[in-house]
Amino acid sequence: MTERRELDTGAAATMVLLTAAWGFTQVAVKLAANDISVVMQGGLRTLVSFALLLAWARWHRIPLLERDGTWWPGLIIGTLYASEFFFVYAGLAHTSASRMVVFVYLAPVFTAIGVHLFVAGEKLVGIQWLGVALAFTGIAVAFGDGFHSDPSSLTGDIFGIIAAFLWAATTVVIRTSTLSNASATKTLFYQVGIAALLLPLASFSMGEPGVVALTPVAVASIAFQGIIVSFASHLAWFSLLTRYLAGRLAAFSSLAPLFGVLGGVVVLGEPLRPQFAFAAALVILGIYLVNRRT
């Protein structure tokens, strides 16, 4: 087994770029919302990334259909992944990008609790429990801000928390099943393949208008979501995990909601109330502490 090492400058810079891409995803969805319905954007994103993944697997001769005991857990994580993005994209129709990214990135906290319960050797320690408490306090403050500033956004906020729970459940299933020994490409194959099937069906069943106009903004948004975020960033992330300490890499996930909030404020002109800024700071600090290894 390859020994994982501490992060060097290149790995740290790569993680900053990855978290920036992840944080700006919700901003990209909002930018294209008038041209392509939000849930349909999720479907198109996964269709693009699935096609690229098949080409990648063929180019590198990575087997995807061999019998290795991953079929049933693969179906489960694919359904969880599709459900997660359904709630993210549907929620963005009701709340701002800056609020959504904070709620969705409660996922690392849910994940830490999940592996604490179900994975041997992954128990939380004192400083990490403090991180859990800070993150949940931040979410409570964010909900209070929503009640006072825009009660209509609460549906989207709740959808964001559901998506975070589903994201965490996906990770826990991967860690506790035969997928823990599968290649990253095959894990992504299950996730984006099933999502590419289910999300367009969900969009049609909701009565969304779908693709309204193929404007430059819409095309750029789908390209960013499908090529950069869903395909390239995931492969880069898994590549880093094979070489560097996972705990050090995971600590960078606290940057993603920061980039998301900044993107919502700067690009979309969303308001940043002091109460919500305080809530976001608590969540970001909580994510950092949860991923910190003593």
C-alpha atoms as a PDB file:
ATOM      1  CA  MET A   1       0.000   0.000   0.000  1.00  0.00           C
ATOM      2  CA  THR A   2       1.295   3.454  -0.923  1.00  0.00           C
ATOM      3  CA  GLU A   3       2.188   5.502   2.145  1.00  0.00           C
ATOM      4  CA  ARG A   4       0.199   8.738   2.375  1.00  0.00           C
ATOM      5  CA  ARG A   5       2.213  11.876   3.069  1.00  0.00           C
ATOM      6  CA  GLU A   6       1.685  15.401   4.318  1.00  0.00           C
ATOM      7  CA  LEU A   7       0.407  18.000   1.853  1.00  0.00           C
ATOM      8  CA  ASP A   8       2.978  19.856  -0.216  1.00  0.00           C
ATOM      9  CA  THR A   9       2.470  23.207  -1.969  1.00  0.00           C
ATOM     10  CA  GLY A  10       1.085  21.626  -5.129  1.00  0.00           C
ATOM     11  CA  ALA A  11      -1.477  19.540  -3.261  1.00  0.00           C
ATOM     12  CA  ALA A  12      -2.595  22.510  -1.164  1.00  0.00           C
ATOM     13  CA  ALA A  13      -2.992  24.692  -4.258  1.00  0.00           C
ATOM     14  CA  THR A  14      -4.973  21.942  -5.992  1.00  0.00           C
ATOM     15  CA  MET A  15      -7.310  21.657  -2.995  1.00  0.00           C
ATOM     16  CA  VAL A  16      -7.940  25.414  -3.038  1.00  0.00           C
ATOM     17  CA  LEU A  17      -8.911  25.193  -6.724  1.00  0.00           C
ATOM     18  CA  LEU A  18     -11.142  22.164  -6.082  1.00  0.00           C
ATOM     19  CA  THR A  19     -12.979  23.761  -3.173  1.00  0.00           C
ATOM     20  CA  ALA A  20     -13.446  26.943  -5.195  1.00  0.00           C
ATOM     21  CA  ALA A  21     -15.063  24.889  -7.973  1.00  0.00           C
ATOM     22  CA  TRP A  22     -17.285  23.039  -5.491  1.00  0.00           C
ATOM     23  CA  GLY A  23     -18.299  26.251  -3.757  1.00  0.00           C
ATOM     24  CA  PHE A  24     -19.196  28.043  -7.008  1.00  0.00           C
ATOM     25  CA  THR A  25     -21.370  25.181  -8.263  1.00  0.00           C
ATOM     26  CA  GLN A  26     -24.547  26.619  -6.730  1.00  0.00           C
ATOM     27  CA  VAL A  27     -23.707  30.025  -8.206  1.00  0.00           C
ATOM     28  CA  ALA A  28     -23.421  28.436 -11.670  1.00  0.00           C
ATOM     29  CA  VAL A  29     -26.833  26.792 -11.230  1.00  0.00           C
ATOM     30  CA  LYS A  30     -28.434  30.094 -10.286  1.00  0.00           C
ATOM     31  CA  LEU A  31     -26.844  31.896 -13.237  1.00  0.00           C
ATOM     32  CA  ALA A  32     -28.441  29.461 -15.711  1.00  0.00           C
ATOM     33  CA  ALA A  33     -31.776  29.025 -13.896  1.00  0.00           C
ATOM     34  CA  ASN A  34     -33.721  31.231 -16.318  1.00  0.00           C
ATOM     35  CA  ASP A  35     -32.473  29.250 -19.315  1.00  0.00           C
ATOM     36  CA  ILE A  36     -32.493  25.656 -17.979  1.00  0.00           C
ATOM     37  CA  SER A  37     -34.684  24.379 -15.148  1.00  0.00           C
ATOM     38  CA  VAL A  38     -32.703  23.632 -12.014  1.00  0.00           C
ATOM     39  CA  VAL A  39     -33.331  19.869 -11.712  1.00  0.00           C
ATOM     40  CA  MET A  40     -32.794  19.453 -15.456  1.00  0.00           C
ATOM     41  CA  GLN A  41     -29.418  21.134 -14.972  1.00  0.00           C
ATOM     42  CA  GLY A  42     -28.552  18.318 -12.584  1.00  0.00           C
ATOM     43  CA  GLY A  43     -29.579  15.777 -15.191  1.00  0.00           C
ATOM     44  CA  LEU A  44     -27.543  17.421 -17.950  1.00  0.00           C
ATOM     45  CA  ARG A  45     -24.556  17.776 -15.651  1.00  0.00           C
ATOM     46  CA  THR A  46     -24.507  14.064 -14.873  1.00  0.00           C
ATOM     47  CA  LEU A  47     -25.097  13.093 -18.515  1.00  0.00           C
ATOM     48  CA  VAL A  48     -22.018  15.111 -19.529  1.00  0.00           C
ATOM     49  CA  SER A  49     -19.859  13.674 -16.748  1.00  0.00           C
ATOM     50  CA  PHE A  50     -21.107  10.117 -17.397  1.00  0.00           C
ATOM     51  CA  ALA A  51     -20.122  10.328 -21.063  1.00  0.00           C
ATOM     52  CA  LEU A  52     -16.676  11.627 -20.116  1.00  0.00           C
ATOM     53  CA  LEU A  53     -16.290   8.922 -17.482  1.00  0.00           C
ATOM     54  CA  LEU A  54     -17.045   6.169 -20.018  1.00  0.00           C
ATOM     55  CA  ALA A  55     -14.454   7.623 -22.378  1.00  0.00           C
ATOM     56  CA  TRP A  56     -11.935   7.874 -19.521  1.00  0.00           C
ATOM     57  CA  ALA A  57     -12.514   4.259 -18.488  1.00  0.00           C
ATOM     58  CA  ARG A  58     -12.186   3.039 -22.072  1.00  0.00           C
ATOM     59  CA  TRP A  59      -9.003   5.056 -22.644  1.00  0.00           C
ATOM     60  CA  HIS A  60      -7.377   3.696 -19.469  1.00  0.00           C
ATOM     61  CA  ARG A  61      -8.892   0.210 -19.885  1.00  0.00           C
ATOM     62  CA  ILE A  62     -10.635   0.344 -16.519  1.00  0.00           C
ATOM     63  CA  PRO A  63     -13.269  -2.430 -16.236  1.00  0.00           C
ATOM     64  CA  LEU A  64     -16.697  -1.206 -15.117  1.00  0.00           C
ATOM     65  CA  LEU A  65     -19.019  -4.191 -15.589  1.00  0.00           C
ATOM     66  CA  GLU A  66     -17.094  -7.082 -14.030  1.00  0.00           C
ATOM     67  CA  ARG A  67     -18.744  -9.004 -11.194  1.00  0.00           C
ATOM     68  CA  ASP A  68     -16.973  -7.910  -8.023  1.00  0.00           C
ATOM     69  CA  GLY A  69     -19.771  -7.695  -5.457  1.00  0.00           C
ATOM     70  CA  THR A  70     -20.316  -3.956  -5.881  1.00  0.00           C
ATOM     71  CA  TRP A  71     -23.621  -4.073  -7.796  1.00  0.00           C
ATOM     72  CA  TRP A  72     -26.045  -3.665  -4.894  1.00  0.00           C
ATOM     73  CA  PRO A  73     -24.061  -1.074  -2.922  1.00  0.00           C
ATOM     74  CA  GLY A  74     -23.472   0.643  -6.267  1.00  0.00           C
ATOM     75  CA  LEU A  75     -27.219   0.891  -6.855  1.00  0.00           C
ATOM     76  CA  ILE A  76     -27.655   2.291  -3.350  1.00  0.00           C
ATOM     77  CA  ILE A  77     -25.003   4.994  -3.671  1.00  0.00           C
ATOM     78  CA  GLY A  78     -26.224   5.887  -7.160  1.00  0.00           C
ATOM     79  CA  THR A  79     -29.753   6.405  -5.840  1.00  0.00           C
ATOM     80  CA  LEU A  80     -28.455   8.380  -2.846  1.00  0.00           C
ATOM     81  CA  TYR A  81     -26.296  10.519  -5.139  1.00  0.00           C
ATOM     82  CA  ALA A  82     -29.201  11.242  -7.488  1.00  0.00           C
ATOM     83  CA  SER A  83     -31.472  12.058  -4.542  1.00  0.00           C
ATOM     84  CA  GLU A  84     -28.844  14.360  -3.068  1.00  0.00           C
ATOM     85  CA  PHE A  85     -28.596  16.410  -6.232  1.00  0.00           C
ATOM     86  CA  PHE A  86     -32.354  16.449  -6.658  1.00  0.00           C
ATOM     87  CA  PHE A  87     -32.663  18.203  -3.292  1.00  0.00           C
ATOM     88  CA  VAL A  88     -29.748  20.547  -4.034  1.00  0.00           C
ATOM     89  CA  TYR A  89     -31.091  21.650  -7.392  1.00  0.00           C
ATOM     90  CA  ALA A  90     -34.754  21.720  -6.339  1.00  0.00           C
ATOM     91  CA  GLY A  91     -33.770  23.653  -3.223  1.00  0.00           C
ATOM     92  CA  LEU A  92     -32.002  26.314  -5.271  1.00  0.00           C
ATOM     93  CA  ALA A  93     -35.408  27.233  -6.704  1.00  0.00           C
ATOM     94  CA  HIS A  94     -36.390  28.368  -3.202  1.00  0.00           C
ATOM     95  CA  THR A  95     -33.252  29.707  -1.542  1.00  0.00           C
ATOM     96  CA  SER A  96     -30.085  31.603  -2.417  1.00  0.00           C
ATOM     97  CA  ALA A  97     -26.838  30.005  -3.580  1.00  0.00           C
ATOM     98  CA  SER A  98     -24.964  31.357  -0.556  1.00  0.00           C
ATOM     99  CA  ARG A  99     -27.469  29.813   1.864  1.00  0.00           C
ATOM    100  CA  MET A 100     -27.611  26.503   0.007  1.00  0.00           C
ATOM    101  CA  VAL A 101     -23.857  25.970   0.019  1.00  0.00           C
ATOM    102  CA  VAL A 102     -23.681  26.451   3.791  1.00  0.00           C
ATOM    103  CA  PHE A 103     -26.442  23.922   4.435  1.00  0.00           C
ATOM    104  CA  VAL A 104     -25.097  21.365   1.938  1.00  0.00           C
ATOM    105  CA  TYR A 105     -21.629  21.519   3.460  1.00  0.00           C
ATOM    106  CA  LEU A 106     -23.001  20.247   6.709  1.00  0.00           C
ATOM    107  CA  ALA A 107     -22.289  16.907   4.965  1.00  0.00           C
ATOM    108  CA  PRO A 108     -18.726  16.502   6.346  1.00  0.00           C
ATOM    109  CA  VAL A 109     -20.183  16.803   9.851  1.00  0.00           C
ATOM    110  CA  PHE A 110     -22.876  14.193   9.147  1.00  0.00           C
ATOM    111  CA  THR A 111     -20.194  11.991   7.574  1.00  0.00           C
ATOM    112  CA  ALA A 112     -17.961  12.234  10.636  1.00  0.00           C
ATOM    113  CA  ILE A 113     -20.861  11.163  12.840  1.00  0.00           C
ATOM    114  CA  GLY A 114     -21.727   8.326  10.454  1.00  0.00           C
ATOM    115  CA  VAL A 115     -18.220   6.856  10.331  1.00  0.00           C
ATOM    116  CA  HIS A 116     -17.966   7.294  14.108  1.00  0.00           C
ATOM    117  CA  LEU A 117     -20.986   5.012  14.437  1.00  0.00           C
ATOM    118  CA  PHE A 118     -20.285   2.482  11.679  1.00  0.00           C
ATOM    119  CA  VAL A 119     -16.547   2.415  10.862  1.00  0.00           C
ATOM    120  CA  ALA A 120     -14.032   0.923  13.272  1.00  0.00           C
ATOM    121  CA  GLY A 121     -11.074   3.183  14.000  1.00  0.00           C
ATOM    122  CA  GLU A 122     -12.872   6.366  12.924  1.00  0.00           C
ATOM    123  CA  LYS A 123     -14.071   7.612  16.306  1.00  0.00           C
ATOM    124  CA  LEU A 124     -14.485  11.314  16.950  1.00  0.00           C
ATOM    125  CA  VAL A 125     -12.384  12.901  19.680  1.00  0.00           C
ATOM    126  CA  GLY A 126     -13.011  15.962  21.840  1.00  0.00           C
ATOM    127  CA  ILE A 127     -11.972  18.708  19.428  1.00  0.00           C
ATOM    128  CA  GLN A 128     -14.015  17.079  16.668  1.00  0.00           C
ATOM    129  CA  TRP A 129     -17.132  16.910  18.847  1.00  0.00           C
ATOM    130  CA  LEU A 130     -16.632  20.637  19.432  1.00  0.00           C
ATOM    131  CA  GLY A 131     -16.658  21.043  15.654  1.00  0.00           C
ATOM    132  CA  VAL A 132     -19.938  19.122  15.432  1.00  0.00           C
ATOM    133  CA  ALA A 133     -21.469  21.381  18.094  1.00  0.00           C
ATOM    134  CA  LEU A 134     -20.277  24.554  16.344  1.00  0.00           C
ATOM    135  CA  ALA A 135     -21.603  23.413  12.962  1.00  0.00           C
ATOM    136  CA  PHE A 136     -25.054  22.590  14.328  1.00  0.00           C
ATOM    137  CA  THR A 137     -25.098  25.880  16.233  1.00  0.00           C
ATOM    138  CA  GLY A 138     -24.310  27.654  12.975  1.00  0.00           C
ATOM    139  CA  ILE A 139     -27.192  25.890  11.227  1.00  0.00           C
ATOM    140  CA  ALA A 140     -29.568  26.918  14.043  1.00  0.00           C
ATOM    141  CA  VAL A 141     -28.412  30.533  13.683  1.00  0.00           C
ATOM    142  CA  ALA A 142     -28.841  30.325   9.899  1.00  0.00           C
ATOM    143  CA  PHE A 143     -32.410  29.067  10.324  1.00  0.00           C
ATOM    144  CA  GLY A 144     -33.120  31.952  12.685  1.00  0.00           C
ATOM    145  CA  ASP A 145     -31.787  34.366  10.094  1.00  0.00           C
ATOM    146  CA  GLY A 146     -34.080  32.765   7.495  1.00  0.00           C
ATOM    147  CA  PHE A 147     -37.147  33.206   9.678  1.00  0.00           C
ATOM    148  CA  HIS A 148     -36.407  36.926  10.044  1.00  0.00           C
ATOM    149  CA  SER A 149     -35.111  37.794   6.578  1.00  0.00           C
ATOM    150  CA  ASP A 150     -36.933  35.544   4.068  1.00  0.00           C
ATOM    151  CA  PRO A 151     -39.234  32.811   5.432  1.00  0.00           C
ATOM    152  CA  SER A 152     -39.886  31.590   1.869  1.00  0.00           C
ATOM    153  CA  SER A 153     -36.277  30.343   1.701  1.00  0.00           C
ATOM    154  CA  LEU A 154     -36.796  27.848   4.515  1.00  0.00           C
ATOM    155  CA  THR A 155     -38.003  25.133   2.110  1.00  0.00           C
ATOM    156  CA  GLY A 156     -34.765  25.411   0.168  1.00  0.00           C
ATOM    157  CA  ASP A 157     -32.761  25.473   3.410  1.00  0.00           C
ATOM    158  CA  ILE A 158     -34.394  22.233   4.572  1.00  0.00           C
ATOM    159  CA  PHE A 159     -33.716  20.687   1.166  1.00  0.00           C
ATOM    160  CA  GLY A 160     -30.050  21.619   1.629  1.00  0.00           C
ATOM    161  CA  ILE A 161     -29.867  19.778   4.954  1.00  0.00           C
ATOM    162  CA  ILE A 162     -31.554  16.707   3.431  1.00  0.00           C
ATOM    163  CA  ALA A 163     -28.987  16.800   0.599  1.00  0.00           C
ATOM    164  CA  ALA A 164     -26.157  17.002   3.152  1.00  0.00           C
ATOM    165  CA  PHE A 165     -27.524  13.944   4.956  1.00  0.00           C
ATOM    166  CA  LEU A 166     -27.782  12.010   1.667  1.00  0.00           C
ATOM    167  CA  TRP A 167     -24.221  13.011   0.716  1.00  0.00           C
ATOM    168  CA  ALA A 168     -22.980  11.744   4.079  1.00  0.00           C
ATOM    169  CA  ALA A 169     -24.978   8.516   3.722  1.00  0.00           C
ATOM    170  CA  THR A 170     -23.335   7.936   0.335  1.00  0.00           C
ATOM    171  CA  THR A 171     -19.879   8.235   1.882  1.00  0.00           C
ATOM    172  CA  VAL A 172     -20.741   5.909   4.761  1.00  0.00           C
ATOM    173  CA  VAL A 173     -22.120   3.256   2.393  1.00  0.00           C
ATOM    174  CA  ILE A 174     -18.926   3.432   0.318  1.00  0.00           C
ATOM    175  CA  ARG A 175     -16.759   3.092   3.436  1.00  0.00           C
ATOM    176  CA  THR A 176     -18.717   0.134   4.841  1.00  0.00           C
ATOM    177  CA  SER A 177     -19.297  -1.923   1.672  1.00  0.00           C
ATOM    178  CA  THR A 178     -17.351  -3.665  -1.072  1.00  0.00           C
ATOM    179  CA  LEU A 179     -17.050  -0.275  -2.771  1.00  0.00           C
ATOM    180  CA  SER A 180     -14.299   0.588  -0.283  1.00  0.00           C
ATOM    181  CA  ASN A 181     -11.996  -1.597  -2.397  1.00  0.00           C
ATOM    182  CA  ALA A 182     -13.355  -0.550  -5.799  1.00  0.00           C
ATOM    183  CA  SER A 183     -11.660   1.916  -8.103  1.00  0.00           C
ATOM    184  CA  ALA A 184     -12.687   5.564  -7.935  1.00  0.00           C
ATOM    185  CA  THR A 185     -13.772   5.348 -11.567  1.00  0.00           C
ATOM    186  CA  LYS A 186     -16.186   2.512 -10.843  1.00  0.00           C
ATOM    187  CA  THR A 187     -17.644   4.300  -7.818  1.00  0.00           C
ATOM    188  CA  LEU A 188     -18.229   7.388  -9.949  1.00  0.00           C
ATOM    189  CA  PHE A 189     -19.700   5.153 -12.655  1.00  0.00           C
ATOM    190  CA  TYR A 190     -22.483   4.056 -10.309  1.00  0.00           C
ATOM    191  CA  GLN A 191     -23.084   7.571  -9.001  1.00  0.00           C
ATOM    192  CA  VAL A 192     -23.271   9.576 -12.204  1.00  0.00           C
ATOM    193  CA  GLY A 193     -24.756   6.742 -14.269  1.00  0.00           C
ATOM    194  CA  ILE A 194     -27.825   6.342 -12.078  1.00  0.00           C
ATOM    195  CA  ALA A 195     -28.151  10.100 -11.543  1.00  0.00           C
ATOM    196  CA  ALA A 196     -28.013  10.661 -15.310  1.00  0.00           C
ATOM    197  CA  LEU A 197     -31.038   8.376 -15.600  1.00  0.00           C
ATOM    198  CA  LEU A 198     -33.081   9.550 -12.599  1.00  0.00           C
ATOM    199  CA  LEU A 199     -32.622  13.333 -12.599  1.00  0.00           C
ATOM    200  CA  PRO A 200     -34.069  14.006 -16.088  1.00  0.00           C
ATOM    201  CA  LEU A 201     -37.015  11.758 -15.179  1.00  0.00           C
ATOM    202  CA  ALA A 202     -37.502  13.738 -11.982  1.00  0.00           C
ATOM    203  CA  SER A 203     -37.441  16.983 -13.950  1.00  0.00           C
ATOM    204  CA  PHE A 204     -40.110  15.722 -16.367  1.00  0.00           C
ATOM    205  CA  SER A 205     -42.300  14.409 -13.546  1.00  0.00           C
ATOM    206  CA  MET A 206     -42.130  17.811 -11.810  1.00  0.00           C
ATOM    207  CA  GLY A 207     -43.358  19.531 -14.958  1.00  0.00           C
ATOM    208  CA  GLU A 208     -40.239  21.640 -15.343  1.00  0.00           C
ATOM    209  CA  PRO A 209     -39.912  23.456 -18.687  1.00  0.00           C
ATOM    210  CA  GLY A 210     -36.446  21.934 -19.122  1.00  0.00           C
ATOM    211  CA  VAL A 211     -34.150  23.635 -21.600  1.00  0.00           C
ATOM    212  CA  VAL A 212     -35.717  27.016 -22.320  1.00  0.00           C
ATOM    213  CA  ALA A 213     -32.823  28.675 -24.159  1.00  0.00           C
ATOM    214  CA  LEU A 214     -29.284  27.609 -25.010  1.00  0.00           C
ATOM    215  CA  THR A 215     -27.631  30.889 -24.146  1.00  0.00           C
ATOM    216  CA  PRO A 216     -23.855  31.248 -23.718  1.00  0.00           C
ATOM    217  CA  VAL A 217     -24.388  31.469 -19.948  1.00  0.00           C
ATOM    218  CA  ALA A 218     -26.427  28.249 -19.918  1.00  0.00           C
ATOM    219  CA  VAL A 219     -23.875  26.330 -22.010  1.00  0.00           C
ATOM    220  CA  ALA A 220     -20.983  27.625 -19.898  1.00  0.00           C
ATOM    221  CA  SER A 221     -22.795  26.679 -16.692  1.00  0.00           C
ATOM    222  CA  ILE A 222     -23.519  23.099 -17.812  1.00  0.00           C
ATOM    223  CA  ALA A 223     -19.956  22.720 -19.106  1.00  0.00           C
ATOM    224  CA  PHE A 224     -18.573  23.948 -15.786  1.00  0.00           C
ATOM    225  CA  GLN A 225     -20.860  21.686 -13.762  1.00  0.00           C
ATOM    226  CA  GLY A 226     -20.390  18.593 -15.919  1.00  0.00           C
ATOM    227  CA  ILE A 227     -16.770  18.787 -17.061  1.00  0.00           C
ATOM    228  CA  ILE A 228     -14.998  20.685 -14.288  1.00  0.00           C
ATOM    229  CA  VAL A 229     -17.012  19.809 -11.176  1.00  0.00           C
ATOM    230  CA  SER A 230     -18.687  16.438 -11.692  1.00  0.00           C
ATOM    231  CA  PHE A 231     -15.899  14.818 -13.745  1.00  0.00           C
ATOM    232  CA  ALA A 232     -12.482  16.450 -13.439  1.00  0.00           C
ATOM    233  CA  SER A 233     -12.668  17.604  -9.818  1.00  0.00           C
ATOM    234  CA  HIS A 234     -13.802  14.187  -8.587  1.00  0.00           C
ATOM    235  CA  LEU A 235     -10.979  12.409 -10.399  1.00  0.00           C
ATOM    236  CA  ALA A 236      -8.479  14.947  -9.061  1.00  0.00           C
ATOM    237  CA  TRP A 237      -9.846  14.493  -5.543  1.00  0.00           C
ATOM    238  CA  PHE A 238      -9.570  10.708  -5.668  1.00  0.00           C
ATOM    239  CA  SER A 239      -6.074  10.997  -7.117  1.00  0.00           C
ATOM    240  CA  LEU A 240      -5.017  13.169  -4.171  1.00  0.00           C
ATOM    241  CA  LEU A 241      -6.528  10.655  -1.747  1.00  0.00           C
ATOM    242  CA  THR A 242      -4.179   7.964  -3.075  1.00  0.00           C
ATOM    243  CA  ARG A 243      -1.098  10.070  -2.278  1.00  0.00           C
ATOM    244  CA  TYR A 244      -1.821  12.348   0.672  1.00  0.00           C
ATOM    245  CA  LEU A 245      -3.275  12.047   4.165  1.00  0.00           C
ATOM    246  CA  ALA A 246      -7.074  12.073   3.938  1.00  0.00           C
ATOM    247  CA  GLY A 247      -7.515  14.107   7.123  1.00  0.00           C
ATOM    248  CA  ARG A 248      -5.315  16.923   5.841  1.00  0.00           C
ATOM    249  CA  LEU A 249      -7.181  16.975   2.521  1.00  0.00           C
ATOM    250  CA  ALA A 250     -10.607  16.885   4.164  1.00  0.00           C
ATOM    251  CA  ALA A 251      -9.780  19.921   6.300  1.00  0.00           C
ATOM    252  CA  PHE A 252      -9.821  21.974   3.101  1.00  0.00           C
ATOM    253  CA  SER A 253     -13.540  21.215   2.651  1.00  0.00           C
ATOM    254  CA  SER A 254     -14.229  24.125   5.008  1.00  0.00           C
ATOM    255  CA  LEU A 255     -13.144  26.462   2.192  1.00  0.00           C
ATOM    256  CA  ALA A 256     -15.966  25.363  -0.140  1.00  0.00           C
ATOM    257  CA  PRO A 257     -18.834  27.097   1.712  1.00  0.00           C
ATOM    258  CA  LEU A 258     -16.644  30.187   2.046  1.00  0.00           C
ATOM    259  CA  PHE A 259     -16.185  30.317  -1.729  1.00  0.00           C
ATOM    260  CA  GLY A 260     -19.909  29.631  -2.190  1.00  0.00           C
ATOM    261  CA  VAL A 261     -20.980  32.482   0.073  1.00  0.00           C
ATOM    262  CA  LEU A 262     -18.508  34.880  -1.563  1.00  0.00           C
ATOM    263  CA  GLY A 263     -19.693  33.809  -5.022  1.00  0.00           C
ATOM    264  CA  GLY A 264     -23.336  34.364  -4.122  1.00  0.00           C
ATOM    265  CA  VAL A 265     -22.612  37.826  -2.767  1.00  0.00           C
ATOM    266  CA  VAL A 266     -20.150  39.007  -5.435  1.00  0.00           C
ATOM    267  CA  VAL A 267     -21.495  37.318  -8.586  1.00  0.00           C
ATOM    268  CA  LEU A 268     -25.233  37.113  -7.860  1.00  0.00           C
ATOM    269  CA  GLY A 269     -25.522  40.161  -5.604  1.00  0.00           C
ATOM    270  CA  GLU A 270     -27.148  38.159  -2.797  1.00  0.00           C
ATOM    271  CA  PRO A 271     -27.404  39.969   0.546  1.00  0.00           C
ATOM    272  CA  LEU A 272     -25.088  38.954   3.378  1.00  0.00           C
ATOM    273  CA  ARG A 273     -26.762  39.712   6.687  1.00  0.00           C
ATOM    274  CA  PRO A 274     -24.491  39.799   9.781  1.00  0.00           C
ATOM    275  CA  GLN A 275     -26.465  36.974  11.418  1.00  0.00           C
ATOM    276  CA  PHE A 276     -26.019  34.690   8.414  1.00  0.00           C
ATOM    277  CA  ALA A 277     -22.325  35.618   8.092  1.00  0.00           C
ATOM    278  CA  PHE A 278     -21.878  34.576  11.739  1.00  0.00           C
ATOM    279  CA  ALA A 279     -23.754  31.328  11.057  1.00  0.00           C
ATOM    280  CA  ALA A 280     -21.562  30.563   8.039  1.00  0.00           C
ATOM    281  CA  ALA A 281     -18.424  31.231  10.095  1.00  0.00           C
ATOM    282  CA  LEU A 282     -19.576  28.756  12.766  1.00  0.00           C
ATOM    283  CA  VAL A 283     -20.279  26.073  10.148  1.00  0.00           C
ATOM    284  CA  ILE A 284     -16.924  26.608   8.408  1.00  0.00           C
ATOM    285  CA  LEU A 285     -15.037  26.429  11.715  1.00  0.00           C
ATOM    286  CA  GLY A 286     -17.024  23.348  12.678  1.00  0.00           C
ATOM    287  CA  ILE A 287     -16.150  21.585   9.403  1.00  0.00           C
ATOM    288  CA  TYR A 288     -12.475  22.389   9.929  1.00  0.00           C
ATOM    289  CA  LEU A 289     -12.441  21.026  13.479  1.00  0.00           C
ATOM    290  CA  VAL A 290     -14.365  17.885  12.529  1.00  0.00           C
ATOM    291  CA  ASN A 291     -11.786  17.081   9.863  1.00  0.00           C
ATOM    292  CA  ARG A 292      -8.858  17.915  12.124  1.00  0.00           C
ATOM    293  CA  ARG A 293      -6.824  14.937  13.323  1.00  0.00           C
ATOM    294  CA  THR A 294      -5.085  15.152  16.669  1.00  0.00           C
END
